[in-house]
Amino acid sequence: MFTALIQIAKNTFRESLREPIFLLVLLTSLVLIGLFPVFTMFVFNAQEKLVVDSCMATTMLFGWGLAILISSYAISREIDNGTALLLLSKPVRRPIFIIAKILGILGANFVFCILTSLASLIALRVAGDQFRIDMYVMGAYFGALALGMAAAAIYNYITRSSFPMAAILALLVTIPCCAVFAHFLPYEGERVGLSGELVPGLVLVVYSVLIMGCLATTLSTRFNLVSNLLICSALFLVGLMADYLVGRHTYERWQDAPPKGDGALWMSSYTFAPTELAEVGKWEVPVKVDDGEAFVVWSSKEKPRHLPNNLGPDASASWNDTPDWKDNIKDVEGTPNRLGRYDADLQKWEVLMLTDEAQNISESKEHIKGSFTSYVFRRTDNRPRVPKGGNYRNPLPASGSLIASFFYAAIPNWQLFWLADAIANHTDVPSTYMVYGAAYVIIIVSMLIIIAVLLFDNREVGCQIIN
């Protein structure tokens, strides 16, 4: 069983590389990426952003299109011409067949991403200066493309083997050699060698291409090329709008007391007036409590002692925990219900009451309670949405829908894989984001493989030949 899986996956990988459309799409992508530095001469101090955006968009869009094409060729065409029937007539189980096909197609997509990613690094090296482009590296890049085609032509002439596959294998040698040359070539300016800041963005683009390849292969078990293309395009558009369509309705539980934990602590506030008995949505934008300029301490006492003033401009250096106030929220016994925020300019404290705000406000002569500010908290590594809902009698915001959270997790959100703006602004991408992205890809691909196995289980593979 394992041998059959390996052999079918290997043959699928080879057949994908032998497709002329694979080489055509790959060469088009590589030539476009190599020409992007030329257009940087028409922008001012934005050459990196232009190249990064263009290269990543080319890799993503052409990679998605290629994934749809080769998956349709590898599955739908084999069902139509009887190749699948021939394989399944032997002791090869249907799950093994479809899983091997998916692995072979993902391997071919990975080859495409490797070459276009290396080309993107070279293109960014070429456009490192806003007033000129590095013609030596650019000449070496297009020379590597020409050398790869020439070597494939000679090999094809001598051995009569597949030219597309020989060309791709030759490019797998010449493009990395060109990247090494570009990295060590002396350069006049700040950057020397290839830019490592682009690598996380390219890795995330590879993630998206692998997901699209697996999705296209899953759909090709039931649909032909045109139908597959239309459905993938629709899922692409839905994934781009996932935040608007589903994301804003997902479940986010806000609490009136700050929860203990390791994630980032976010806080939002809203000042309720006595007349606001209906739901409202005017909460402040969430901010990190312990990541700002102010120094904060916590207390769970109903009547904590006064905080010491005049701690100087750096309160964190001179602060010592007291029985009532703790710097680390984990050290607080019970539920924290007071937050002390130190103003470094005035060198004074502002104490906020976090729970039961409505129970501690004064009543007017008309027996109507006055306005009060409600504070809510949430722990998450990612920035949460602005809370919505809540009213004067029940100030906690709405939590959201678990059903929306399920669909939001199931629909591939392509925007999560697009970090071109962050990379162009030299923003560091956390390693945890890359790890979570890899876990997300593994889960989505595993789910799609299960769906593909179920769809192919009762698929008729011989009726086309009979007709």
Protein backbone atom coordinates (compact mmCIF):
# COMPACT_ATOMS: atom_id res chain seq x y z
CA MET A 1 0.00 0.00 0.00
CA PHE A 2 2.76 2.43 0.92
CA THR A 3 4.71 1.50 -2.22
CA ALA A 4 1.68 2.17 -4.41
CA LEU A 5 1.21 5.55 -2.70
CA ILE A 6 4.81 6.55 -3.38
CA GLN A 7 4.79 5.37 -7.00
CA ILE A 8 1.51 7.08 -7.91
CA ALA A 9 2.60 10.30 -6.21
CA LYS A 10 5.94 10.17 -8.02
CA ASN A 11 4.31 9.57 -11.40
CA THR A 12 1.81 12.39 -10.78
CA PHE A 13 4.66 14.72 -9.89
CA ARG A 14 6.55 13.82 -13.08
CA GLU A 15 3.49 14.11 -15.29
CA SER A 16 2.72 17.53 -13.84
CA LEU A 17 6.22 18.77 -14.65
CA ARG A 18 5.96 17.34 -18.17
CA GLU A 19 2.85 19.38 -18.96
CA PRO A 20 3.70 22.20 -21.40
CA ILE A 21 1.28 24.47 -19.54
CA PHE A 22 3.38 24.09 -16.39
CA LEU A 23 6.52 25.38 -18.13
CA LEU A 24 4.55 28.13 -19.88
CA VAL A 25 3.07 29.46 -16.63
CA LEU A 26 6.41 29.14 -14.84
CA LEU A 27 8.37 31.00 -17.53
CA THR A 28 5.74 33.74 -17.71
CA SER A 29 5.97 34.21 -13.94
CA LEU A 30 9.77 34.24 -13.92
CA VAL A 31 10.01 36.75 -16.76
CA LEU A 32 7.46 39.06 -15.13
CA ILE A 33 9.27 38.89 -11.79
CA GLY A 34 12.57 39.65 -13.50
CA LEU A 35 11.11 42.72 -15.24
CA PHE A 36 9.48 44.27 -12.17
CA PRO A 37 12.70 46.09 -11.08
CA VAL A 38 12.60 48.05 -14.35
CA PHE A 39 9.39 49.77 -13.27
CA THR A 40 10.98 50.97 -10.02
CA MET A 41 12.64 53.76 -11.98
CA PHE A 42 9.22 55.44 -12.25
CA VAL A 43 8.52 55.60 -8.49
CA PHE A 44 10.18 57.64 -5.76
CA ASN A 45 11.50 55.83 -2.71
CA ALA A 46 8.93 53.03 -3.12
CA GLN A 47 10.91 50.55 -5.18
CA GLU A 48 10.88 47.87 -2.51
CA LYS A 49 7.12 48.02 -2.05
CA LEU A 50 6.51 47.82 -5.81
CA VAL A 51 8.75 44.79 -6.22
CA VAL A 52 7.48 43.01 -3.10
CA ASP A 53 3.81 43.54 -3.97
CA SER A 54 4.28 42.55 -7.61
CA CYS A 55 6.42 39.47 -6.96
CA MET A 56 4.17 38.10 -4.22
CA ALA A 57 1.02 38.76 -6.28
CA THR A 58 2.55 37.01 -9.29
CA THR A 59 3.56 33.97 -7.25
CA MET A 60 0.15 33.75 -5.60
CA LEU A 61 -2.09 34.28 -8.63
CA PHE A 62 -0.05 32.24 -11.12
CA GLY A 63 0.48 29.55 -8.50
CA TRP A 64 -3.27 29.30 -7.91
CA GLY A 65 -4.01 29.14 -11.62
CA LEU A 66 -1.34 26.49 -12.16
CA ALA A 67 -2.73 24.44 -9.26
CA ILE A 68 -6.18 24.41 -10.87
CA LEU A 69 -4.78 23.47 -14.29
CA ILE A 70 -2.52 20.61 -13.28
CA SER A 71 -5.07 19.18 -10.82
CA SER A 72 -7.66 19.02 -13.59
CA TYR A 73 -5.14 17.39 -15.91
CA ALA A 74 -4.06 14.88 -13.27
CA ILE A 75 -7.55 13.85 -12.08
CA SER A 76 -10.32 14.78 -14.52
CA ARG A 77 -8.36 13.88 -17.63
CA GLU A 78 -7.27 10.51 -16.23
CA ILE A 79 -10.88 9.72 -15.40
CA ASP A 80 -11.97 10.69 -18.92
CA ASN A 81 -9.27 8.80 -20.83
CA GLY A 82 -9.43 5.64 -18.69
CA THR A 83 -6.06 5.87 -16.94
CA ALA A 84 -7.73 5.99 -13.53
CA LEU A 85 -9.82 2.91 -14.39
CA LEU A 86 -6.66 1.05 -15.36
CA LEU A 87 -4.96 1.85 -12.06
CA LEU A 88 -8.01 1.09 -9.93
CA SER A 89 -8.46 -2.26 -11.64
CA LYS A 90 -5.21 -3.29 -9.99
CA PRO A 91 -4.87 -3.75 -6.19
CA VAL A 92 -4.87 0.01 -5.59
CA ARG A 93 -7.47 1.37 -3.23
CA ARG A 94 -9.33 4.56 -4.08
CA PRO A 95 -8.14 6.49 -0.96
CA ILE A 96 -4.52 5.62 -1.80
CA PHE A 97 -5.03 6.76 -5.39
CA ILE A 98 -6.51 10.16 -4.54
CA ILE A 99 -4.11 10.86 -1.66
CA ALA A 100 -1.14 10.06 -3.90
CA LYS A 101 -2.53 12.37 -6.58
CA ILE A 102 -2.82 15.20 -4.06
CA LEU A 103 0.73 14.68 -2.81
CA GLY A 104 2.13 14.65 -6.36
CA ILE A 105 0.28 17.84 -7.31
CA LEU A 106 1.36 19.60 -4.10
CA GLY A 107 4.94 18.61 -4.89
CA ALA A 108 4.68 20.20 -8.34
CA ASN A 109 3.16 23.35 -6.83
CA PHE A 110 6.02 23.47 -4.35
CA VAL A 111 8.57 23.39 -7.19
CA PHE A 112 6.82 26.34 -8.81
CA CYS A 113 6.85 28.29 -5.53
CA ILE A 114 10.53 27.57 -4.89
CA LEU A 115 11.59 28.96 -8.26
CA THR A 116 9.35 32.04 -8.13
CA SER A 117 10.39 32.75 -4.51
CA LEU A 118 14.08 32.67 -5.42
CA ALA A 119 13.31 34.89 -8.40
CA SER A 120 11.51 37.34 -6.08
CA LEU A 121 14.55 37.56 -3.81
CA ILE A 122 16.77 38.23 -6.82
CA ALA A 123 14.36 40.90 -8.12
CA LEU A 124 14.40 42.69 -4.78
CA ARG A 125 18.19 42.58 -4.83
CA VAL A 126 18.17 44.15 -8.30
CA ALA A 127 15.87 47.01 -7.19
CA GLY A 128 17.69 47.82 -3.97
CA ASP A 129 18.41 51.44 -4.97
CA GLN A 130 15.78 53.99 -5.97
CA PHE A 131 18.02 55.65 -8.56
CA ARG A 132 19.40 52.62 -10.38
CA ILE A 133 18.99 48.90 -10.85
CA ASP A 134 21.75 46.34 -10.57
CA MET A 135 22.29 45.36 -14.19
CA TYR A 136 24.88 42.71 -13.30
CA VAL A 137 22.39 40.72 -11.21
CA MET A 138 19.60 41.32 -13.70
CA GLY A 139 21.77 40.09 -16.56
CA ALA A 140 22.79 37.05 -14.53
CA TYR A 141 19.11 36.30 -13.81
CA PHE A 142 17.96 36.35 -17.42
CA GLY A 143 21.16 34.56 -18.37
CA ALA A 144 20.19 31.80 -15.92
CA LEU A 145 16.79 31.52 -17.60
CA ALA A 146 18.37 31.33 -21.06
CA LEU A 147 20.98 28.84 -19.89
CA GLY A 148 18.29 26.61 -18.42
CA MET A 149 16.32 26.63 -21.67
CA ALA A 150 19.46 25.93 -23.71
CA ALA A 151 20.48 23.04 -21.48
CA ALA A 152 16.95 21.58 -21.71
CA ALA A 153 16.97 21.92 -25.51
CA ILE A 154 20.32 20.09 -25.78
CA TYR A 155 19.17 17.38 -23.39
CA ASN A 156 15.90 16.98 -25.30
CA TYR A 157 17.76 16.74 -28.61
CA ILE A 158 20.12 14.06 -27.33
CA THR A 159 17.76 11.92 -25.25
CA ARG A 160 14.37 12.76 -26.84
CA SER A 161 12.97 13.23 -23.35
CA SER A 162 10.35 15.73 -22.20
CA PHE A 163 11.51 19.29 -22.83
CA PRO A 164 9.26 20.93 -20.17
CA MET A 165 10.51 18.64 -17.42
CA ALA A 166 14.14 19.02 -18.51
CA ALA A 167 13.74 22.80 -18.55
CA ILE A 168 12.25 22.87 -15.05
CA LEU A 169 15.01 20.65 -13.68
CA ALA A 170 17.60 22.88 -15.34
CA LEU A 171 16.00 25.98 -13.78
CA LEU A 172 16.18 24.27 -10.39
CA VAL A 173 19.96 24.44 -10.86
CA THR A 174 20.51 27.77 -12.62
CA ILE A 175 18.12 29.92 -10.54
CA PRO A 176 19.63 28.91 -7.15
CA CYS A 177 23.12 29.49 -8.58
CA CYS A 178 22.04 32.96 -9.68
CA ALA A 179 20.65 33.62 -6.19
CA VAL A 180 23.99 32.66 -4.63
CA PHE A 181 25.78 34.95 -7.09
CA ALA A 182 23.41 37.83 -6.26
CA HIS A 183 23.85 37.30 -2.55
CA PHE A 184 27.64 37.53 -2.53
CA LEU A 185 28.10 40.10 -5.29
CA PRO A 186 29.45 43.37 -3.81
CA TYR A 187 26.82 46.10 -3.67
CA GLU A 188 27.03 49.87 -3.19
CA GLY A 189 24.42 50.77 -0.61
CA GLU A 190 22.89 49.61 2.66
CA ARG A 191 21.78 46.13 1.65
CA VAL A 192 24.32 43.44 0.82
CA GLY A 193 22.94 40.20 -0.56
CA LEU A 194 19.36 39.00 -0.64
CA SER A 195 16.75 40.44 1.70
CA GLY A 196 15.74 37.98 4.41
CA GLU A 197 12.75 40.14 5.32
CA LEU A 198 10.91 38.86 2.26
CA VAL A 199 11.23 35.18 3.19
CA PRO A 200 8.30 35.03 5.71
CA GLY A 201 5.97 36.64 3.18
CA LEU A 202 7.03 34.19 0.49
CA VAL A 203 6.56 31.26 2.84
CA LEU A 204 3.00 32.39 3.56
CA VAL A 205 2.35 32.66 -0.19
CA VAL A 206 3.55 29.06 -0.51
CA TYR A 207 1.03 28.14 2.18
CA SER A 208 -1.80 29.69 0.17
CA VAL A 209 -0.74 27.98 -3.07
CA LEU A 210 -0.64 24.59 -1.33
CA ILE A 211 -4.14 25.12 0.04
CA MET A 212 -5.44 26.12 -3.40
CA GLY A 213 -3.72 23.12 -4.99
CA CYS A 214 -5.33 20.73 -2.52
CA LEU A 215 -8.71 22.45 -2.95
CA ALA A 216 -8.52 22.26 -6.74
CA THR A 217 -7.54 18.59 -6.59
CA THR A 218 -10.45 17.84 -4.28
CA LEU A 219 -12.90 19.54 -6.65
CA SER A 220 -11.41 17.83 -9.70
CA THR A 221 -12.70 14.48 -8.41
CA ARG A 222 -16.19 15.64 -9.41
CA PHE A 223 -15.79 18.62 -11.77
CA ASN A 224 -14.03 19.32 -15.04
CA LEU A 225 -11.57 22.14 -15.71
CA VAL A 226 -14.11 24.90 -16.36
CA SER A 227 -16.31 24.06 -13.39
CA ASN A 228 -13.26 23.70 -11.16
CA LEU A 229 -11.97 27.09 -12.25
CA LEU A 230 -15.32 28.78 -11.56
CA ILE A 231 -15.73 27.21 -8.12
CA CYS A 232 -12.16 28.01 -7.08
CA SER A 233 -12.61 31.60 -8.27
CA ALA A 234 -15.77 31.90 -6.21
CA LEU A 235 -14.04 30.47 -3.12
CA PHE A 236 -11.17 32.85 -3.73
CA LEU A 237 -13.51 35.85 -3.68
CA VAL A 238 -15.34 34.55 -0.62
CA GLY A 239 -12.02 34.01 1.14
CA LEU A 240 -10.95 37.57 0.39
CA MET A 241 -14.19 38.87 1.93
CA ALA A 242 -14.20 36.40 4.83
CA ASP A 243 -13.52 39.13 7.39
CA TYR A 244 -16.51 41.15 6.22
CA LEU A 245 -18.92 38.29 5.51
CA VAL A 246 -18.23 36.07 8.51
CA GLY A 247 -15.34 37.41 10.57
CA ARG A 248 -17.23 40.30 12.13
CA HIS A 249 -19.81 37.85 13.53
CA THR A 250 -17.38 35.36 15.08
CA TYR A 251 -17.32 34.54 18.78
CA GLU A 252 -15.19 36.86 20.92
CA ARG A 253 -15.97 36.69 24.61
CA TRP A 254 -15.27 39.87 26.53
CA GLN A 255 -15.13 39.77 30.35
CA ASP A 256 -15.70 42.48 32.91
CA ALA A 257 -12.67 41.28 34.91
CA PRO A 258 -9.20 40.84 33.37
CA PRO A 259 -8.55 37.10 32.88
CA LYS A 260 -5.27 35.59 33.90
CA GLY A 261 -3.14 33.91 31.25
CA ASP A 262 -0.16 34.26 28.92
CA GLY A 263 -1.75 35.96 25.89
CA ALA A 264 -1.78 39.70 25.34
CA LEU A 265 -4.38 41.49 27.49
CA TRP A 266 -6.69 43.87 25.63
CA MET A 267 -9.08 46.41 27.18
CA SER A 268 -11.99 48.39 25.78
CA SER A 269 -14.30 50.86 27.51
CA TYR A 270 -17.66 52.53 26.99
CA THR A 271 -19.41 55.26 29.01
CA PHE A 272 -23.07 54.31 29.40
CA ALA A 273 -25.74 56.93 29.95
CA PRO A 274 -28.95 56.21 31.89
CA THR A 275 -31.06 56.52 28.74
CA GLU A 276 -29.16 53.81 26.83
CA LEU A 277 -31.37 50.83 27.55
CA ALA A 278 -31.04 49.34 24.03
CA GLU A 279 -27.98 47.73 22.54
CA VAL A 280 -25.13 50.07 21.70
CA GLY A 281 -21.94 49.75 19.71
CA LYS A 282 -19.74 52.70 20.61
CA TRP A 283 -16.99 50.90 22.45
CA GLU A 284 -13.47 52.25 22.22
CA VAL A 285 -10.91 50.55 20.00
CA PRO A 286 -9.21 47.77 22.02
CA VAL A 287 -5.76 48.64 23.35
CA LYS A 288 -3.13 46.51 25.02
CA VAL A 289 -3.17 47.11 28.74
CA ASP A 290 0.44 46.19 29.51
CA ASP A 291 2.00 47.34 26.24
CA GLY A 292 1.57 51.09 26.43
CA GLU A 293 3.47 53.97 27.95
CA ALA A 294 1.57 53.81 31.24
CA PHE A 295 2.68 51.54 34.09
CA VAL A 296 -0.22 49.51 35.52
CA VAL A 297 -0.79 47.53 38.73
CA TRP A 298 -3.68 45.31 39.84
CA SER A 299 -5.68 44.69 43.01
CA SER A 300 -8.52 42.39 44.08
CA LYS A 301 -9.30 44.25 47.31
CA GLU A 302 -12.60 46.08 47.78
CA LYS A 303 -10.83 48.96 49.54
CA PRO A 304 -7.15 48.76 48.61
CA ARG A 305 -4.63 51.07 50.19
CA HIS A 306 -3.47 54.22 48.46
CA LEU A 307 -0.76 53.90 45.85
CA PRO A 308 2.57 55.67 46.42
CA ASN A 309 3.07 58.80 44.32
CA ASN A 310 6.28 60.44 43.10
CA LEU A 311 7.84 57.23 41.77
CA GLY A 312 9.74 59.23 39.18
CA PRO A 313 9.50 59.06 35.40
CA ASP A 314 10.18 55.30 35.38
CA ALA A 315 7.70 53.80 37.82
CA SER A 316 8.50 50.21 36.83
CA ALA A 317 12.09 50.57 38.07
CA SER A 318 11.14 51.87 41.52
CA TRP A 319 7.96 49.87 42.07
CA ASN A 320 7.70 47.20 44.78
CA ASP A 321 4.64 45.00 45.19
CA THR A 322 2.43 45.59 48.23
CA PRO A 323 -0.15 43.28 49.86
CA ASP A 324 -2.91 45.17 48.00
CA TRP A 325 -1.30 45.96 44.63
CA LYS A 326 0.63 43.67 42.27
CA ASP A 327 2.56 44.46 39.13
CA ASN A 328 1.91 41.02 37.58
CA ILE A 329 -1.75 40.08 37.30
CA LYS A 330 -0.84 36.44 37.92
CA ASP A 331 0.24 37.36 41.45
CA VAL A 332 -3.20 38.77 42.33
CA GLU A 333 -5.28 36.49 44.55
CA GLY A 334 -8.89 36.35 43.43
CA THR A 335 -10.52 38.39 40.68
CA PRO A 336 -8.77 41.68 39.88
CA ASN A 337 -11.30 44.49 40.28
CA ARG A 338 -9.03 47.54 40.42
CA LEU A 339 -6.49 48.84 37.92
CA GLY A 340 -3.93 51.48 38.87
CA ARG A 341 -2.44 53.45 35.97
CA TYR A 342 0.58 55.67 36.63
CA ASP A 343 0.94 59.00 34.82
CA ALA A 344 4.68 59.56 34.35
CA ASP A 345 4.24 63.29 33.59
CA LEU A 346 2.11 64.12 36.64
CA GLN A 347 3.66 61.30 38.70
CA LYS A 348 0.22 60.37 40.03
CA TRP A 349 -2.05 57.35 39.87
CA GLU A 350 -5.44 56.89 38.26
CA VAL A 351 -7.45 54.07 39.80
CA LEU A 352 -10.14 52.40 37.67
CA MET A 353 -12.89 50.23 39.13
CA LEU A 354 -13.36 47.31 36.77
CA THR A 355 -16.37 45.35 38.06
CA ASP A 356 -19.85 46.28 39.26
CA GLU A 357 -19.53 49.83 37.98
CA ALA A 358 -23.30 50.34 37.87
CA GLN A 359 -23.67 49.37 41.54
CA ASN A 360 -21.35 52.11 42.74
CA ILE A 361 -22.72 55.22 41.05
CA SER A 362 -24.83 57.86 42.75
CA GLU A 363 -28.52 58.43 42.03
CA SER A 364 -30.03 61.77 41.07
CA LYS A 365 -33.12 63.32 42.60
CA GLU A 366 -35.28 61.62 39.97
CA HIS A 367 -33.92 58.26 41.20
CA ILE A 368 -32.10 57.73 37.94
CA LYS A 369 -28.56 56.55 38.20
CA GLY A 370 -25.84 58.57 36.53
CA SER A 371 -23.53 57.55 33.74
CA PHE A 372 -20.69 55.11 34.32
CA THR A 373 -17.77 53.68 32.36
CA SER A 374 -17.65 49.94 31.79
CA TYR A 375 -14.33 48.21 31.11
CA VAL A 376 -14.10 44.84 29.38
CA PHE A 377 -11.08 42.61 28.81
CA ARG A 378 -9.99 39.83 26.49
CA ARG A 379 -6.79 37.80 26.11
CA THR A 380 -5.61 37.04 22.59
CA ASP A 381 -2.36 37.32 20.66
CA ASN A 382 -4.19 38.92 17.71
CA ARG A 383 -5.92 42.29 17.84
CA PRO A 384 -9.62 41.71 18.66
CA ARG A 385 -12.50 43.51 17.00
CA VAL A 386 -14.17 46.54 18.53
CA PRO A 387 -16.87 45.16 20.90
CA LYS A 388 -20.50 45.67 19.98
CA GLY A 389 -23.70 45.43 21.95
CA GLY A 390 -24.44 45.86 25.63
CA ASN A 391 -26.77 48.30 27.36
CA TYR A 392 -27.12 50.31 30.53
CA ARG A 393 -28.53 47.44 32.61
CA ASN A 394 -26.22 44.79 31.11
CA PRO A 395 -23.04 46.51 29.91
CA LEU A 396 -21.18 43.42 28.68
CA PRO A 397 -20.93 43.34 24.85
CA ALA A 398 -22.30 40.55 22.70
CA SER A 399 -20.05 37.50 22.41
CA GLY A 400 -20.73 36.57 18.78
CA SER A 401 -21.78 33.37 17.04
CA LEU A 402 -20.06 30.00 17.34
CA ILE A 403 -21.51 29.01 13.95
CA ALA A 404 -19.86 32.05 12.37
CA SER A 405 -16.60 31.09 14.07
CA PHE A 406 -16.80 27.60 12.54
CA PHE A 407 -17.34 28.90 9.01
CA TYR A 408 -14.68 31.57 9.50
CA ALA A 409 -12.19 28.83 10.42
CA ALA A 410 -13.30 26.56 7.57
CA ILE A 411 -13.15 29.19 4.81
CA PRO A 412 -9.53 29.90 3.78
CA ASN A 413 -8.89 33.56 4.59
CA TRP A 414 -6.42 34.55 1.88
CA GLN A 415 -5.68 37.89 3.51
CA LEU A 416 -3.90 36.09 6.33
CA PHE A 417 -1.26 34.99 3.82
CA TRP A 418 -0.66 38.48 2.39
CA LEU A 419 2.06 40.36 4.28
CA ALA A 420 3.42 42.49 1.45
CA ASP A 421 2.64 45.78 3.21
CA ALA A 422 4.23 44.67 6.47
CA ILE A 423 7.37 43.48 4.66
CA ALA A 424 7.64 46.69 2.60
CA ASN A 425 7.49 48.66 5.86
CA HIS A 426 10.26 46.47 7.36
CA THR A 427 7.93 45.06 10.02
CA ASP A 428 9.20 41.89 11.66
CA VAL A 429 6.90 38.89 11.20
CA PRO A 430 6.73 36.87 14.46
CA SER A 431 7.88 33.28 14.22
CA THR A 432 4.72 32.23 16.04
CA TYR A 433 2.68 33.60 13.13
CA MET A 434 4.58 31.34 10.75
CA VAL A 435 4.09 28.32 13.03
CA TYR A 436 0.36 29.01 13.40
CA GLY A 437 0.13 29.44 9.62
CA ALA A 438 1.78 26.07 9.06
CA ALA A 439 -0.61 24.43 11.54
CA TYR A 440 -3.54 26.10 9.78
CA VAL A 441 -2.35 24.76 6.41
CA ILE A 442 -1.93 21.23 7.80
CA ILE A 443 -5.46 21.27 9.24
CA ILE A 444 -7.06 22.66 6.06
CA VAL A 445 -5.15 20.25 3.79
CA SER A 446 -6.05 17.31 6.03
CA MET A 447 -9.73 18.26 5.91
CA LEU A 448 -9.61 18.64 2.12
CA ILE A 449 -7.93 15.24 1.74
CA ILE A 450 -10.72 13.63 3.77
CA ILE A 451 -13.34 15.38 1.61
CA ALA A 452 -11.52 14.29 -1.56
CA VAL A 453 -11.48 10.66 -0.39
CA LEU A 454 -15.21 10.80 0.35
CA LEU A 455 -16.03 12.43 -3.00
CA PHE A 456 -13.94 9.92 -4.97
CA ASP A 457 -15.17 6.87 -3.07
CA ASN A 458 -18.24 6.30 -5.27
CA ARG A 459 -17.05 8.22 -8.34
CA GLU A 460 -17.75 6.38 -11.59
CA VAL A 461 -14.48 6.18 -13.54
CA GLY A 462 -15.46 3.96 -16.47
CA CYS A 463 -18.63 5.45 -17.91
CA GLN A 464 -16.72 7.97 -20.03
CA ILE A 465 -14.86 5.18 -21.85
CA ILE A 466 -18.06 3.25 -22.50
CA ASN A 467 -19.78 6.32 -23.93
